[in-house]
PDB file of N, CA and C in Angstrom:
ATOM      1  N   MET A   1     -12.190   9.298  -2.709  1.00  0.00           N
ATOM      2  CA  MET A   1     -12.294   8.805  -1.341  1.00  0.00           C
ATOM      3  C   MET A   1     -11.476   9.697  -0.420  1.00  0.00           C
ATOM      4  N   ASN A   2     -11.932   9.815   0.800  1.00  0.00           N
ATOM      5  CA  ASN A   2     -11.216  10.587   1.805  1.00  0.00           C
ATOM      6  C   ASN A   2     -10.506   9.651   2.765  1.00  0.00           C
ATOM      7  N   TRP A   3      -9.283  10.011   3.133  1.00  0.00           N
ATOM      8  CA  TRP A   3      -8.541   9.228   4.094  1.00  0.00           C
ATOM      9  C   TRP A   3      -7.619  10.143   4.873  1.00  0.00           C
ATOM     10  N   ILE A   4      -7.217   9.680   6.050  1.00  0.00           N
ATOM     11  CA  ILE A   4      -6.263  10.422   6.859  1.00  0.00           C
ATOM     12  C   ILE A   4      -5.405   9.431   7.622  1.00  0.00           C
ATOM     13  N   SER A   5      -4.111   9.711   7.684  1.00  0.00           N
ATOM     14  CA  SER A   5      -3.185   8.940   8.507  1.00  0.00           C
ATOM     15  C   SER A   5      -2.746   9.824   9.654  1.00  0.00           C
ATOM     16  N   GLN A   6      -2.658   9.230  10.836  1.00  0.00           N
ATOM     17  CA  GLN A   6      -2.217  10.004  11.986  1.00  0.00           C
ATOM     18  C   GLN A   6      -1.308   9.157  12.856  1.00  0.00           C
ATOM     19  N   ASP A   7      -0.356   9.808  13.507  1.00  0.00           N
ATOM     20  CA  ASP A   7       0.497   9.140  14.478  1.00  0.00           C
ATOM     21  C   ASP A   7      -0.174   9.256  15.835  1.00  0.00           C
ATOM     22  N   VAL A   8      -0.356   8.131  16.497  1.00  0.00           N
ATOM     23  CA  VAL A   8      -0.982   8.098  17.815  1.00  0.00           C
ATOM     24  C   VAL A   8       0.086   7.699  18.825  1.00  0.00           C
ATOM     25  N   THR A   9       0.294   8.539  19.834  1.00  0.00           N
ATOM     26  CA  THR A   9       1.269   8.222  20.875  1.00  0.00           C
ATOM     27  C   THR A   9       0.657   7.211  21.838  1.00  0.00           C
ATOM     28  N   VAL A  10       1.344   6.078  21.979  1.00  0.00           N
ATOM     29  CA  VAL A  10       0.862   4.960  22.782  1.00  0.00           C
ATOM     30  C   VAL A  10       1.922   4.628  23.828  1.00  0.00           C
ATOM     31  N   ASN A  11       1.484   4.221  25.020  1.00  0.00           N
ATOM     32  CA  ASN A  11       2.434   3.848  26.068  1.00  0.00           C
ATOM     33  C   ASN A  11       2.089   2.476  26.632  1.00  0.00           C
ATOM     34  N   SER A  12       2.846   2.072  27.640  1.00  0.00           N
ATOM     35  CA  SER A  12       2.660   0.740  28.219  1.00  0.00           C
ATOM     36  C   SER A  12       1.785   0.745  29.473  1.00  0.00           C
ATOM     37  N   SER A  13       1.331   1.917  29.919  1.00  0.00           N
ATOM     38  CA  SER A  13       0.575   1.959  31.175  1.00  0.00           C
ATOM     39  C   SER A  13      -0.943   1.980  30.994  1.00  0.00           C
ATOM     40  N   THR A  14      -1.445   2.439  29.846  1.00  0.00           N
ATOM     41  CA  THR A  14      -2.894   2.511  29.651  1.00  0.00           C
ATOM     42  C   THR A  14      -3.261   2.114  28.226  1.00  0.00           C
ATOM     43  N   TRP A  15      -4.517   1.688  28.045  1.00  0.00           N
ATOM     44  CA  TRP A  15      -5.046   1.436  26.704  1.00  0.00           C
ATOM     45  C   TRP A  15      -5.428   2.789  26.107  1.00  0.00           C
ATOM     46  N   THR A  16      -4.811   3.156  25.001  1.00  0.00           N
ATOM     47  CA  THR A  16      -5.052   4.444  24.349  1.00  0.00           C
ATOM     48  C   THR A  16      -6.184   4.308  23.338  1.00  0.00           C
ATOM     49  N   PRO A  17      -7.283   5.059  23.524  1.00  0.00           N
ATOM     50  CA  PRO A  17      -8.362   5.006  22.532  1.00  0.00           C
ATOM     51  C   PRO A  17      -7.959   5.760  21.269  1.00  0.00           C
ATOM     52  N   VAL A  18      -8.306   5.214  20.119  1.00  0.00           N
ATOM     53  CA  VAL A  18      -8.050   5.869  18.839  1.00  0.00           C
ATOM     54  C   VAL A  18      -9.408   6.151  18.212  1.00  0.00           C
ATOM     55  N   ALA A  19      -9.782   7.426  18.186  1.00  0.00           N
ATOM     56  CA  ALA A  19     -11.099   7.824  17.682  1.00  0.00           C
ATOM     57  C   ALA A  19     -11.047   8.088  16.183  1.00  0.00           C
ATOM     58  N   ALA A  20     -12.118   7.739  15.509  1.00  0.00           N
ATOM     59  CA  ALA A  20     -12.233   8.013  14.075  1.00  0.00           C
ATOM     60  C   ALA A  20     -12.355   9.529  13.869  1.00  0.00           C
ATOM     61  N   PRO A  21     -11.559  10.110  12.959  1.00  0.00           N
ATOM     62  CA  PRO A  21     -11.624  11.552  12.727  1.00  0.00           C
ATOM     63  C   PRO A  21     -12.835  11.975  11.889  1.00  0.00           C
ATOM     64  N   PHE A  22     -13.498  11.005  11.248  1.00  0.00           N
ATOM     65  CA  PHE A  22     -14.703  11.241  10.456  1.00  0.00           C
ATOM     66  C   PHE A  22     -15.412   9.893  10.307  1.00  0.00           C
ATOM     67  N   ASP A  23     -16.660   9.901   9.882  1.00  0.00           N
ATOM     68  CA  ASP A  23     -17.366   8.638   9.632  1.00  0.00           C
ATOM     69  C   ASP A  23     -16.622   7.868   8.547  1.00  0.00           C
ATOM     70  N   CYS A  24     -16.260   6.624   8.844  1.00  0.00           N
ATOM     71  CA  CYS A  24     -15.500   5.849   7.864  1.00  0.00           C
ATOM     72  C   CYS A  24     -15.741   4.360   8.066  1.00  0.00           C
ATOM     73  N   ASP A  25     -15.245   3.577   7.122  1.00  0.00           N
ATOM     74  CA  ASP A  25     -15.475   2.143   7.130  1.00  0.00           C
ATOM     75  C   ASP A  25     -14.204   1.306   7.129  1.00  0.00           C
ATOM     76  N   VAL A  26     -13.033   1.919   6.994  1.00  0.00           N
ATOM     77  CA  VAL A  26     -11.781   1.180   6.936  1.00  0.00           C
ATOM     78  C   VAL A  26     -10.808   1.753   7.958  1.00  0.00           C
ATOM     79  N   LEU A  27     -10.139   0.852   8.693  1.00  0.00           N
ATOM     80  CA  LEU A  27      -9.136   1.211   9.683  1.00  0.00           C
ATOM     81  C   LEU A  27      -7.904   0.365   9.422  1.00  0.00           C
ATOM     82  N   THR A  28      -6.729   0.985   9.425  1.00  0.00           N
ATOM     83  CA  THR A  28      -5.477   0.256   9.309  1.00  0.00           C
ATOM     84  C   THR A  28      -4.519   0.752  10.384  1.00  0.00           C
ATOM     85  N   VAL A  29      -3.925  -0.182  11.119  1.00  0.00           N
ATOM     86  CA  VAL A  29      -2.919   0.140  12.127  1.00  0.00           C
ATOM     87  C   VAL A  29      -1.600  -0.415  11.618  1.00  0.00           C
ATOM     88  N   ARG A  30      -0.632   0.466  11.392  1.00  0.00           N
ATOM     89  CA  ARG A  30       0.713   0.036  10.980  1.00  0.00           C
ATOM     90  C   ARG A  30       1.578   0.100  12.223  1.00  0.00           C
ATOM     91  N   ASN A  31       1.917  -1.047  12.726  1.00  0.00           N
ATOM     92  CA  ASN A  31       2.610  -1.145  14.001  1.00  0.00           C
ATOM     93  C   ASN A  31       4.096  -0.904  13.817  1.00  0.00           C
ATOM     94  N   THR A  32       4.595   0.139  14.438  1.00  0.00           N
ATOM     95  CA  THR A  32       6.012   0.467  14.339  1.00  0.00           C
ATOM     96  C   THR A  32       6.772   0.096  15.599  1.00  0.00           C
ATOM     97  N   ALA A  33       6.054  -0.353  16.654  1.00  0.00           N
ATOM     98  CA  ALA A  33       6.727  -0.552  17.938  1.00  0.00           C
ATOM     99  C   ALA A  33       6.248  -1.757  18.742  1.00  0.00           C
ATOM    100  N   GLY A  34       5.586  -2.714  18.156  1.00  0.00           N
ATOM    101  CA  GLY A  34       5.156  -3.900  18.893  1.00  0.00           C
ATOM    102  C   GLY A  34       3.961  -3.661  19.802  1.00  0.00           C
ATOM    103  N   ALA A  35       2.903  -3.092  19.283  1.00  0.00           N
ATOM    104  CA  ALA A  35       1.713  -2.773  20.075  1.00  0.00           C
ATOM    105  C   ALA A  35       0.724  -3.929  20.103  1.00  0.00           C
ATOM    106  N   SER A  36      -0.132  -3.888  21.113  1.00  0.00           N
ATOM    107  CA  SER A  36      -1.295  -4.768  21.190  1.00  0.00           C
ATOM    108  C   SER A  36      -2.507  -3.915  20.891  1.00  0.00           C
ATOM    109  N   LEU A  37      -3.579  -4.531  20.406  1.00  0.00           N
ATOM    110  CA  LEU A  37      -4.801  -3.785  20.172  1.00  0.00           C
ATOM    111  C   LEU A  37      -5.984  -4.565  20.684  1.00  0.00           C
ATOM    112  N   ARG A  38      -7.028  -3.802  21.052  1.00  0.00           N
ATOM    113  CA  ARG A  38      -8.284  -4.386  21.519  1.00  0.00           C
ATOM    114  C   ARG A  38      -9.446  -3.593  20.943  1.00  0.00           C
ATOM    115  N   TYR A  39     -10.564  -4.269  20.802  1.00  0.00           N
ATOM    116  CA  TYR A  39     -11.796  -3.602  20.405  1.00  0.00           C
ATOM    117  C   TYR A  39     -12.352  -2.817  21.579  1.00  0.00           C
ATOM    118  N   SER A  40     -12.160  -3.350  22.783  1.00  0.00           N
ATOM    119  CA  SER A  40     -12.615  -2.712  24.013  1.00  0.00           C
ATOM    120  C   SER A  40     -11.526  -2.890  25.061  1.00  0.00           C
ATOM    121  N   PRO A  41     -11.163  -1.844  25.810  1.00  0.00           N
ATOM    122  CA  PRO A  41     -10.049  -1.971  26.750  1.00  0.00           C
ATOM    123  C   PRO A  41     -10.282  -2.998  27.848  1.00  0.00           C
ATOM    124  N   GLY A  42     -11.529  -3.255  28.224  1.00  0.00           N
ATOM    125  CA  GLY A  42     -11.832  -4.191  29.287  1.00  0.00           C
ATOM    126  C   GLY A  42     -12.093  -5.618  28.835  1.00  0.00           C
ATOM    127  N   GLN A  43     -11.958  -5.878  27.547  1.00  0.00           N
ATOM    128  CA  GLN A  43     -12.259  -7.210  27.019  1.00  0.00           C
ATOM    129  C   GLN A  43     -10.999  -7.872  26.462  1.00  0.00           C
ATOM    130  N   GLY A  44     -10.325  -8.629  27.313  1.00  0.00           N
ATOM    131  CA  GLY A  44      -9.091  -9.298  26.910  1.00  0.00           C
ATOM    132  C   GLY A  44      -9.257 -10.262  25.750  1.00  0.00           C
ATOM    133  N   ALA A  45     -10.455 -10.807  25.583  1.00  0.00           N
ATOM    134  CA  ALA A  45     -10.703 -11.749  24.486  1.00  0.00           C
ATOM    135  C   ALA A  45     -10.601 -11.086  23.125  1.00  0.00           C
ATOM    136  N   THR A  46     -10.688  -9.750  23.078  1.00  0.00           N
ATOM    137  CA  THR A  46     -10.591  -9.043  21.788  1.00  0.00           C
ATOM    138  C   THR A  46      -9.159  -8.641  21.466  1.00  0.00           C
ATOM    139  N   GLU A  47      -8.211  -8.970  22.329  1.00  0.00           N
ATOM    140  CA  GLU A  47      -6.831  -8.505  22.158  1.00  0.00           C
ATOM    141  C   GLU A  47      -6.099  -9.263  21.059  1.00  0.00           C
ATOM    142  N   ASP A  48      -5.281  -8.542  20.319  1.00  0.00           N
ATOM    143  CA  ASP A  48      -4.420  -9.117  19.294  1.00  0.00           C
ATOM    144  C   ASP A  48      -3.050  -8.474  19.433  1.00  0.00           C
ATOM    145  N   GLN A  49      -2.005  -9.271  19.313  1.00  0.00           N
ATOM    146  CA  GLN A  49      -0.626  -8.787  19.384  1.00  0.00           C
ATOM    147  C   GLN A  49      -0.113  -8.539  17.971  1.00  0.00           C
ATOM    148  N   LEU A  50       0.522  -7.405  17.764  1.00  0.00           N
ATOM    149  CA  LEU A  50       1.119  -7.099  16.468  1.00  0.00           C
ATOM    150  C   LEU A  50       2.633  -6.990  16.620  1.00  0.00           C
ATOM    151  N   GLU A  51       3.347  -7.706  15.806  1.00  0.00           N
ATOM    152  CA  GLU A  51       4.802  -7.602  15.807  1.00  0.00           C
ATOM    153  C   GLU A  51       5.217  -6.277  15.159  1.00  0.00           C
ATOM    154  N   PRO A  52       6.380  -5.736  15.538  1.00  0.00           N
ATOM    155  CA  PRO A  52       6.848  -4.516  14.875  1.00  0.00           C
ATOM    156  C   PRO A  52       6.911  -4.711  13.363  1.00  0.00           C
ATOM    157  N   GLY A  53       6.383  -3.757  12.630  1.00  0.00           N
ATOM    158  CA  GLY A  53       6.356  -3.818  11.175  1.00  0.00           C
ATOM    159  C   GLY A  53       5.102  -4.451  10.611  1.00  0.00           C
ATOM    160  N   ALA A  54       4.297  -5.087  11.475  1.00  0.00           N
ATOM    161  CA  ALA A  54       3.060  -5.729  11.018  1.00  0.00           C
ATOM    162  C   ALA A  54       1.973  -4.682  10.792  1.00  0.00           C
ATOM    163  N   GLN A  55       0.966  -5.058  10.049  1.00  0.00           N
ATOM    164  CA  GLN A  55      -0.164  -4.169   9.779  1.00  0.00           C
ATOM    165  C   GLN A  55      -1.455  -4.921  10.058  1.00  0.00           C
ATOM    166  N   PHE A  56      -2.413  -4.215  10.678  1.00  0.00           N
ATOM    167  CA  PHE A  56      -3.716  -4.770  10.995  1.00  0.00           C
ATOM    168  C   PHE A  56      -4.764  -3.914  10.314  1.00  0.00           C
ATOM    169  N   SER A  57      -5.709  -4.532   9.616  1.00  0.00           N
ATOM    170  CA  SER A  57      -6.737  -3.771   8.907  1.00  0.00           C
ATOM    171  C   SER A  57      -8.119  -4.334   9.186  1.00  0.00           C
ATOM    172  N   ILE A  58      -9.078  -3.426   9.280  1.00  0.00           N
ATOM    173  CA  ILE A  58     -10.492  -3.774   9.292  1.00  0.00           C
ATOM    174  C   ILE A  58     -11.084  -3.054   8.095  1.00  0.00           C
ATOM    175  N   ALA A  59     -11.542  -3.815   7.134  1.00  0.00           N
ATOM    176  CA  ALA A  59     -12.054  -3.209   5.902  1.00  0.00           C
ATOM    177  C   ALA A  59     -13.472  -3.680   5.631  1.00  0.00           C
ATOM    178  N   MET A  60     -14.315  -2.766   5.258  1.00  0.00           N
ATOM    179  CA  MET A  60     -15.698  -3.064   4.885  1.00  0.00           C
ATOM    180  C   MET A  60     -16.037  -2.252   3.648  1.00  0.00           C
ATOM    181  N   HIS A  61     -16.718  -2.873   2.727  1.00  0.00           N
ATOM    182  CA  HIS A  61     -17.220  -2.113   1.599  1.00  0.00           C
ATOM    183  C   HIS A  61     -18.279  -1.170   2.135  1.00  0.00           C
ATOM    184  N   ARG A  62     -18.166   0.099   1.837  1.00  0.00           N
ATOM    185  CA  ARG A  62     -19.034   1.110   2.423  1.00  0.00           C
ATOM    186  C   ARG A  62     -20.516   0.838   2.170  1.00  0.00           C
ATOM    187  N   HIS A  63     -20.868   0.512   0.960  1.00  0.00           N
ATOM    188  CA  HIS A  63     -22.279   0.314   0.647  1.00  0.00           C
ATOM    189  C   HIS A  63     -22.835  -0.923   1.348  1.00  0.00           C
ATOM    190  N   THR A  64     -22.040  -1.981   1.424  1.00  0.00           N
ATOM    191  CA  THR A  64     -22.471  -3.186   2.127  1.00  0.00           C
ATOM    192  C   THR A  64     -22.674  -2.878   3.598  1.00  0.00           C
ATOM    193  N   GLN A  65     -21.734  -2.192   4.212  1.00  0.00           N
ATOM    194  CA  GLN A  65     -21.827  -1.872   5.630  1.00  0.00           C
ATOM    195  C   GLN A  65     -23.047  -1.004   5.913  1.00  0.00           C
ATOM    196  N   ARG A  66     -23.286  -0.008   5.096  1.00  0.00           N
ATOM    197  CA  ARG A  66     -24.447   0.863   5.304  1.00  0.00           C
ATOM    198  C   ARG A  66     -25.743   0.083   5.115  1.00  0.00           C
ATOM    199  N   TRP A  67     -25.727  -0.861   4.199  1.00  0.00           N
ATOM    200  CA  TRP A  67     -26.925  -1.661   3.968  1.00  0.00           C
ATOM    201  C   TRP A  67     -27.218  -2.536   5.186  1.00  0.00           C
ATOM    202  N   ILE A  68     -26.183  -3.120   5.773  1.00  0.00           N
ATOM    203  CA  ILE A  68     -26.364  -4.011   6.912  1.00  0.00           C
ATOM    204  C   ILE A  68     -26.732  -3.233   8.175  1.00  0.00           C
ATOM    205  N   HIS A  69     -26.003  -2.172   8.467  1.00  0.00           N
ATOM    206  CA  HIS A  69     -26.157  -1.475   9.743  1.00  0.00           C
ATOM    207  C   HIS A  69     -26.769  -0.086   9.628  1.00  0.00           C
ATOM    208  N   GLY A  70     -26.912   0.427   8.440  1.00  0.00           N
ATOM    209  CA  GLY A  70     -27.493   1.744   8.269  1.00  0.00           C
ATOM    210  C   GLY A  70     -26.559   2.897   8.571  1.00  0.00           C
ATOM    211  N   GLY A  71     -25.272   2.651   8.719  1.00  0.00           N
ATOM    212  CA  GLY A  71     -24.320   3.723   9.004  1.00  0.00           C
ATOM    213  C   GLY A  71     -22.899   3.250   8.826  1.00  0.00           C
ATOM    214  N   PRO A  72     -21.956   4.121   9.105  1.00  0.00           N
ATOM    215  CA  PRO A  72     -20.549   3.764   8.933  1.00  0.00           C
ATOM    216  C   PRO A  72     -20.083   2.777   9.995  1.00  0.00           C
ATOM    217  N   ARG A  73     -19.043   2.046   9.706  1.00  0.00           N
ATOM    218  CA  ARG A  73     -18.462   1.090  10.660  1.00  0.00           C
ATOM    219  C   ARG A  73     -17.875   1.837  11.851  1.00  0.00           C
ATOM    220  N   PHE A  74     -17.172   2.938  11.590  1.00  0.00           N
ATOM    221  CA  PHE A  74     -16.546   3.738  12.643  1.00  0.00           C
ATOM    222  C   PHE A  74     -17.134   5.135  12.581  1.00  0.00           C
ATOM    223  N   LYS A  75     -17.759   5.585  13.668  1.00  0.00           N
ATOM    224  CA  LYS A  75     -18.383   6.901  13.693  1.00  0.00           C
ATOM    225  C   LYS A  75     -17.415   7.950  14.203  1.00  0.00           C
ATOM    226  N   GLU A  76     -17.509   9.130  13.630  1.00  0.00           N
ATOM    227  CA  GLU A  76     -16.639  10.249  13.991  1.00  0.00           C
ATOM    228  C   GLU A  76     -16.637  10.470  15.505  1.00  0.00           C
ATOM    229  N   GLY A  77     -15.431  10.572  16.062  1.00  0.00           N
ATOM    230  CA  GLY A  77     -15.264  10.867  17.474  1.00  0.00           C
ATOM    231  C   GLY A  77     -15.364   9.683  18.411  1.00  0.00           C
ATOM    232  N   GLU A  78     -15.782   8.528  17.918  1.00  0.00           N
ATOM    233  CA  GLU A  78     -15.903   7.342  18.762  1.00  0.00           C
ATOM    234  C   GLU A  78     -14.657   6.468  18.624  1.00  0.00           C
ATOM    235  N   PRO A  79     -14.221   5.844  19.719  1.00  0.00           N
ATOM    236  CA  PRO A  79     -13.046   4.964  19.637  1.00  0.00           C
ATOM    237  C   PRO A  79     -13.287   3.807  18.670  1.00  0.00           C
ATOM    238  N   ALA A  80     -12.349   3.625  17.772  1.00  0.00           N
ATOM    239  CA  ALA A  80     -12.422   2.525  16.808  1.00  0.00           C
ATOM    240  C   ALA A  80     -11.586   1.345  17.282  1.00  0.00           C
ATOM    241  N   VAL A  81     -10.527   1.640  18.032  1.00  0.00           N
ATOM    242  CA  VAL A  81      -9.607   0.615  18.523  1.00  0.00           C
ATOM    243  C   VAL A  81      -8.852   1.214  19.715  1.00  0.00           C
ATOM    244  N   TYR A  82      -8.328   0.334  20.564  1.00  0.00           N
ATOM    245  CA  TYR A  82      -7.500   0.752  21.689  1.00  0.00           C
ATOM    246  C   TYR A  82      -6.133   0.118  21.522  1.00  0.00           C
ATOM    247  N   LEU A  83      -5.063   0.876  21.785  1.00  0.00           N
ATOM    248  CA  LEU A  83      -3.695   0.399  21.601  1.00  0.00           C
ATOM    249  C   LEU A  83      -2.911   0.497  22.901  1.00  0.00           C
ATOM    250  N   LYS A  84      -1.942  -0.420  23.071  1.00  0.00           N
ATOM    251  CA  LYS A  84      -1.079  -0.415  24.249  1.00  0.00           C
ATOM    252  C   LYS A  84       0.242  -1.084  23.878  1.00  0.00           C
ATOM    253  N   LEU A  85       1.343  -0.588  24.409  1.00  0.00           N
ATOM    254  CA  LEU A  85       2.661  -1.188  24.180  1.00  0.00           C
ATOM    255  C   LEU A  85       3.036  -2.103  25.325  1.00  0.00           C
ATOM    256  N   ALA A  86       3.933  -3.033  25.059  1.00  0.00           N
ATOM    257  CA  ALA A  86       4.463  -3.901  26.110  1.00  0.00           C
ATOM    258  C   ALA A  86       5.402  -3.106  27.016  1.00  0.00           C
ATOM    259  N   ALA A  87       6.126  -2.143  26.437  1.00  0.00           N
ATOM    260  CA  ALA A  87       7.061  -1.328  27.212  1.00  0.00           C
ATOM    261  C   ALA A  87       7.304   0.002  26.501  1.00  0.00           C
ATOM    262  N   GLY A  88       7.507   1.047  27.278  1.00  0.00           N
ATOM    263  CA  GLY A  88       7.889   2.342  26.717  1.00  0.00           C
ATOM    264  C   GLY A  88       6.736   3.118  26.111  1.00  0.00           C
ATOM    265  N   THR A  89       7.111   4.070  25.243  1.00  0.00           N
ATOM    266  CA  THR A  89       6.172   4.943  24.534  1.00  0.00           C
ATOM    267  C   THR A  89       6.611   5.039  23.082  1.00  0.00           C
ATOM    268  N   ALA A  90       5.666   5.047  22.158  1.00  0.00           N
ATOM    269  CA  ALA A  90       5.996   5.154  20.732  1.00  0.00           C
ATOM    270  C   ALA A  90       4.800   5.699  19.966  1.00  0.00           C
ATOM    271  N   ALA A  91       5.063   6.149  18.749  1.00  0.00           N
ATOM    272  CA  ALA A  91       3.998   6.596  17.842  1.00  0.00           C
ATOM    273  C   ALA A  91       3.611   5.443  16.934  1.00  0.00           C
ATOM    274  N   ILE A  92       2.310   5.175  16.855  1.00  0.00           N
ATOM    275  CA  ILE A  92       1.769   4.121  15.995  1.00  0.00           C
ATOM    276  C   ILE A  92       0.972   4.808  14.891  1.00  0.00           C
ATOM    277  N   LYS A  93       1.177   4.402  13.649  1.00  0.00           N
ATOM    278  CA  LYS A  93       0.488   4.990  12.496  1.00  0.00           C
ATOM    279  C   LYS A  93      -0.879   4.341  12.311  1.00  0.00           C
ATOM    280  N   VAL A  94      -1.928   5.177  12.315  1.00  0.00           N
ATOM    281  CA  VAL A  94      -3.297   4.703  12.115  1.00  0.00           C
ATOM    282  C   VAL A  94      -3.884   5.449  10.914  1.00  0.00           C
ATOM    283  N   THR A  95      -4.501   4.714   9.989  1.00  0.00           N
ATOM    284  CA  THR A  95      -5.111   5.321   8.802  1.00  0.00           C
ATOM    285  C   THR A  95      -6.594   4.973   8.770  1.00  0.00           C
ATOM    286  N   PHE A  96      -7.407   5.994   8.514  1.00  0.00           N
ATOM    287  CA  PHE A  96      -8.854   5.831   8.362  1.00  0.00           C
ATOM    288  C   PHE A  96      -9.214   6.172   6.927  1.00  0.00           C
ATOM    289  N   LEU A  97     -10.114   5.388   6.331  1.00  0.00           N
ATOM    290  CA  LEU A  97     -10.542   5.595   4.962  1.00  0.00           C
ATOM    291  C   LEU A  97     -12.056   5.575   4.916  1.00  0.00           C
ATOM    292  N   ARG A  98     -12.628   6.587   4.257  1.00  0.00           N
ATOM    293  CA  ARG A  98     -14.072   6.679   4.126  1.00  0.00           C
ATOM    294  C   ARG A  98     -14.559   5.659   3.125  1.00  0.00           C
TER     295      ARG A  98
END
């Protein structure tokens, strides 16, 4: 399996898009600084708060996902999640797994 972890710099003034580096089906956000996340920056109903040290994951079995939708859950180059801090700037660890 292929996977990559990356540090994403997030601040408190804008929703930072996190794009998938390759077609994949699993996303994990390891919150190191108390970030919020959304599926879409303009949709407050999708927002979730993560406490520092918490981890958020979206996992799909690849074959099941491809069978249902005909492709990967997260497409290369497209935003998979948006992150924002309550205050300041910090690096948030995001891992993608094929």
